[in-house]
Amino acid sequence: MSWPWRKPEDSADGCRAFAASDRERASSAANGQVRATFERSAQAWSARASLLKRLETSFDARVASLTAPDEEIPRS
């Protein structure tokens, strides 16, 4: 589901983009502490992306089950 007013950090794709950006910045950091900070940030963004994706998948499945036509029960 996509909302036009959703902030990038509120979607799995946005979080993945932030993680990729932080990984890129980590790879070019000259200072080890700065590199480690960007790497931790990238891990956090990746974890958030996974969580949001699981929530979205679960929500979509629940919506689909509520809107799906009732299946007819076979009678013997």
Protein backbone atom coordinates (compact mmCIF):
# COMPACT_ATOMS: atom_id res chain seq x y z
CA MET A 1 0.00 0.00 0.00
CA SER A 2 1.31 3.42 -0.88
CA TRP A 3 0.21 6.74 0.56
CA PRO A 4 1.26 10.06 -1.00
CA TRP A 5 1.76 11.66 2.43
CA ARG A 6 3.89 8.81 3.81
CA LYS A 7 7.41 9.80 4.81
CA PRO A 8 10.23 7.75 3.27
CA GLU A 9 11.14 6.32 6.67
CA ASP A 10 7.60 4.95 7.01
CA SER A 11 7.93 2.55 4.10
CA ALA A 12 10.12 -0.50 3.57
CA ASP A 13 11.44 0.91 0.28
CA GLY A 14 12.34 4.22 1.92
CA CYS A 15 14.17 2.45 4.75
CA ARG A 16 16.09 0.33 2.24
CA ALA A 17 17.12 3.51 0.42
CA PHE A 18 18.36 5.05 3.68
CA ALA A 19 20.28 1.84 4.46
CA ALA A 20 21.91 1.86 1.02
CA SER A 21 22.87 5.51 1.45
CA ASP A 22 24.41 4.83 4.85
CA ARG A 23 26.35 1.84 3.48
CA GLU A 24 27.70 4.02 0.69
CA ARG A 25 28.69 6.73 3.16
CA ALA A 26 30.33 4.11 5.40
CA SER A 27 32.41 2.82 2.52
CA SER A 28 33.78 6.29 1.83
CA ALA A 29 34.33 7.32 5.46
CA ALA A 30 37.97 7.86 6.35
CA ASN A 31 37.40 7.66 10.08
CA GLY A 32 36.74 4.21 11.60
CA GLN A 33 34.29 5.55 14.18
CA VAL A 34 32.27 7.37 11.53
CA ARG A 35 32.30 4.24 9.36
CA ALA A 36 31.02 2.14 12.27
CA THR A 37 28.27 4.67 12.95
CA PHE A 38 27.05 4.55 9.35
CA GLU A 39 27.21 0.74 9.37
CA ARG A 40 25.09 0.56 12.54
CA SER A 41 22.65 3.04 11.03
CA ALA A 42 22.40 0.94 7.86
CA GLN A 43 21.68 -2.16 9.96
CA ALA A 44 18.95 -0.31 11.85
CA TRP A 45 17.35 0.92 8.60
CA SER A 46 17.46 -2.61 7.20
CA ALA A 47 15.83 -4.03 10.31
CA ARG A 48 13.11 -1.36 10.14
CA ALA A 49 12.54 -2.15 6.45
CA SER A 50 12.08 -5.85 7.28
CA LEU A 51 9.65 -5.05 10.08
CA LEU A 52 7.60 -2.69 7.92
CA LYS A 53 7.49 -5.22 5.07
CA ARG A 54 6.24 -7.96 7.44
CA LEU A 55 3.59 -5.62 8.82
CA GLU A 56 2.47 -4.58 5.35
CA THR A 57 2.30 -8.20 4.16
CA SER A 58 0.29 -9.19 7.24
CA PHE A 59 -2.07 -6.24 6.80
CA ASP A 60 -2.60 -6.99 3.11
CA ALA A 61 -3.35 -10.65 3.91
CA ARG A 62 -5.91 -9.66 6.55
CA VAL A 63 -7.59 -7.20 4.19
CA ALA A 64 -7.68 -9.81 1.43
CA SER A 65 -9.25 -12.38 3.75
CA LEU A 66 -11.95 -9.90 4.76
CA THR A 67 -12.79 -8.89 1.20
CA ALA A 68 -12.53 -12.36 -0.40
CA PRO A 69 -15.84 -13.96 -1.33
CA ASP A 70 -16.95 -16.68 1.03
CA GLU A 71 -16.09 -20.14 -0.17
CA GLU A 72 -18.93 -22.57 -0.43
CA ILE A 73 -18.62 -25.55 1.87
CA PRO A 74 -19.03 -28.83 -0.03
CA ARG A 75 -21.89 -30.99 1.22
CA SER A 76 -21.79 -34.74 1.16
